Amino acid sequence: MLPTTLNTNEVKNAAGTEVEFQRRGVWGEDGIEFSAIAEVPNREHRIRVGHRENGTGIMRVRESVIQVFKIVDGTIDLSKTAKIMAQLKLTIPIGNISDYSEVKNVVAELGSFTYSLGATTTILFDGTGNGAAAVINGLL
């Protein structure tokens, strides 16, 4: 169960500084939404978490998503805002696995690819990890 507030380093920005969020309410049918505590009304900064299950028996699958988005001031057209969004989507064949060990491996591999540079064990929040740099800069 997620806490009502995310305020003890659960969420950090690119500088590694804590960003505090509070539970705002529901998102869709099976999700919740958090808003940044310092959010202003016309500049939403949200985290959403949701789940959906489909199928039966060994074909049962759960899709889970974490979505973070932020409305920022445009820097080219100063009269318009811009929405930046990132999401993690996880598809788990819950009807055909007996535990979550391989699911945890997949999530760990995604995280380490995104937030590290190979041999180092330092977590890079600044977008310079191999995977983060690839998606930020459109690199292959």
Protein backbone atom coordinates (compact mmCIF):
# COMPACT_ATOMS: atom_id res chain seq x y z
CA MET A 1 0.00 0.00 0.00
CA LEU A 2 1.38 3.38 -0.98
CA PRO A 3 1.56 6.04 1.74
CA THR A 4 -0.64 9.12 1.79
CA THR A 5 2.38 11.39 1.41
CA LEU A 6 5.69 10.81 -0.36
CA ASN A 7 7.94 13.02 1.74
CA THR A 8 10.96 11.10 2.99
CA ASN A 9 13.12 10.86 -0.12
CA GLU A 10 10.74 8.52 -2.00
CA VAL A 11 10.88 10.91 -4.97
CA LYS A 12 13.95 12.88 -6.07
CA ASN A 13 14.59 15.24 -8.96
CA ALA A 14 17.62 15.30 -11.31
CA ALA A 15 19.70 17.08 -8.66
CA GLY A 16 18.91 14.33 -6.15
CA THR A 17 16.72 16.71 -4.13
CA GLU A 18 13.56 15.38 -2.52
CA VAL A 19 10.24 16.38 -4.13
CA GLU A 20 7.24 15.92 -1.84
CA PHE A 21 3.87 14.61 -3.07
CA GLN A 22 0.50 14.07 -1.43
CA ARG A 23 -2.25 11.64 -2.39
CA ARG A 24 -4.79 13.56 -4.46
CA GLY A 25 -7.39 10.92 -5.29
CA VAL A 26 -8.31 8.25 -7.80
CA TRP A 27 -6.98 7.88 -11.33
CA GLY A 28 -9.19 5.90 -13.67
CA GLU A 29 -10.84 2.75 -12.34
CA ASP A 30 -7.91 1.13 -10.53
CA GLY A 31 -5.39 3.86 -9.83
CA ILE A 32 -4.37 6.72 -7.59
CA GLU A 33 -2.85 10.12 -8.23
CA PHE A 34 -0.39 12.16 -6.19
CA SER A 35 0.21 15.88 -6.66
CA ALA A 36 3.38 17.74 -5.75
CA ILE A 37 2.89 19.58 -2.48
CA ALA A 38 4.47 22.71 -4.03
CA GLU A 39 2.31 22.45 -7.18
CA VAL A 40 0.54 25.58 -8.37
CA PRO A 41 -2.93 25.26 -10.00
CA ASN A 42 -1.89 25.88 -13.62
CA ARG A 43 1.37 23.88 -13.43
CA GLU A 44 0.39 20.32 -12.55
CA HIS A 45 3.11 18.00 -11.30
CA ARG A 46 1.67 14.51 -10.75
CA ILE A 47 2.51 10.88 -10.12
CA ARG A 48 -0.07 8.28 -11.11
CA VAL A 49 -0.09 4.56 -10.31
CA GLY A 50 -2.63 2.16 -11.79
CA HIS A 51 -3.33 -1.51 -12.50
CA ARG A 52 -5.57 -3.47 -14.85
CA GLU A 53 -6.08 -7.23 -15.08
CA ASN A 54 -7.27 -9.15 -18.14
CA GLY A 55 -7.84 -12.80 -18.94
CA THR A 56 -8.47 -15.87 -16.79
CA GLY A 57 -6.55 -18.91 -15.65
CA ILE A 58 -3.02 -19.19 -17.02
CA MET A 59 -3.82 -16.38 -19.47
CA ARG A 60 -4.43 -13.84 -16.67
CA VAL A 61 -2.22 -10.76 -17.08
CA ARG A 62 -1.82 -7.65 -14.95
CA GLU A 63 -0.64 -4.42 -16.53
CA SER A 64 0.67 -1.83 -14.09
CA VAL A 65 1.82 1.68 -14.87
CA ILE A 66 3.61 4.47 -13.02
CA GLN A 67 3.32 7.81 -14.75
CA VAL A 68 5.04 11.07 -13.81
CA PHE A 69 4.19 14.29 -15.60
CA LYS A 70 4.88 17.95 -15.13
CA ILE A 71 3.50 21.07 -16.83
CA VAL A 72 6.32 23.60 -17.34
CA ASP A 73 6.66 27.01 -18.95
CA GLY A 74 7.51 26.87 -22.64
CA THR A 75 10.97 28.25 -23.40
CA ILE A 76 10.48 28.79 -27.15
CA ASP A 77 6.86 29.97 -27.26
CA LEU A 78 6.63 31.78 -23.93
CA SER A 79 2.84 32.06 -24.22
CA LYS A 80 2.34 28.28 -24.02
CA THR A 81 3.08 25.59 -21.45
CA ALA A 82 4.65 22.20 -22.21
CA LYS A 83 3.83 18.79 -20.70
CA ILE A 84 6.69 16.38 -20.00
CA MET A 85 5.75 12.78 -19.15
CA ALA A 86 7.60 9.56 -18.33
CA GLN A 87 6.08 6.21 -17.51
CA LEU A 88 7.01 2.71 -16.50
CA LYS A 89 4.67 -0.01 -17.73
CA LEU A 90 4.97 -3.54 -16.43
CA THR A 91 3.11 -6.51 -17.93
CA ILE A 92 3.07 -9.56 -15.65
CA PRO A 93 1.59 -12.93 -16.71
CA ILE A 94 0.21 -13.52 -13.18
CA GLY A 95 -1.77 -16.57 -14.30
CA ASN A 96 1.35 -18.41 -15.44
CA ILE A 97 4.04 -17.59 -12.84
CA SER A 98 4.33 -18.83 -9.26
CA ASP A 99 6.33 -15.94 -7.77
CA TYR A 100 7.65 -12.48 -8.59
CA SER A 101 11.41 -13.24 -8.65
CA GLU A 102 11.80 -12.81 -12.43
CA VAL A 103 9.51 -9.78 -12.39
CA LYS A 104 11.85 -8.20 -9.81
CA ASN A 105 14.83 -9.03 -12.04
CA VAL A 106 13.22 -7.28 -15.03
CA VAL A 107 12.45 -4.15 -12.95
CA ALA A 108 15.99 -4.15 -11.51
CA GLU A 109 17.52 -4.46 -14.97
CA LEU A 110 15.43 -1.57 -16.28
CA GLY A 111 16.38 0.59 -13.31
CA SER A 112 20.09 -0.20 -13.49
CA PHE A 113 20.16 0.40 -17.26
CA THR A 114 18.39 3.72 -16.75
CA TYR A 115 20.26 5.02 -13.69
CA SER A 116 23.84 3.74 -14.00
CA LEU A 117 26.86 3.63 -16.30
CA GLY A 118 27.86 -0.02 -16.23
CA ALA A 119 30.59 -0.85 -13.72
CA THR A 120 29.66 1.91 -11.30
CA THR A 121 27.15 1.30 -8.52
CA THR A 122 26.31 4.99 -8.19
CA ILE A 123 22.68 5.89 -8.86
CA LEU A 124 22.54 8.74 -11.39
CA PHE A 125 19.42 10.87 -11.05
CA ASP A 126 20.75 13.49 -13.48
CA GLY A 127 19.76 11.68 -16.69
CA THR A 128 23.30 10.55 -17.56
CA GLY A 129 22.74 6.82 -17.03
CA ASN A 130 22.96 4.76 -20.23
CA GLY A 131 19.22 4.19 -20.65
CA ALA A 132 18.18 7.65 -19.42
CA ALA A 133 20.59 9.40 -21.79
CA ALA A 134 19.30 7.28 -24.69
CA VAL A 135 15.65 8.22 -24.16
CA ILE A 136 16.33 11.86 -23.22
CA ASN A 137 18.57 12.54 -26.21
CA GLY A 138 16.91 10.22 -28.74
CA LEU A 139 20.05 8.04 -29.05
CA LEU A 140 20.41 4.41 -30.09
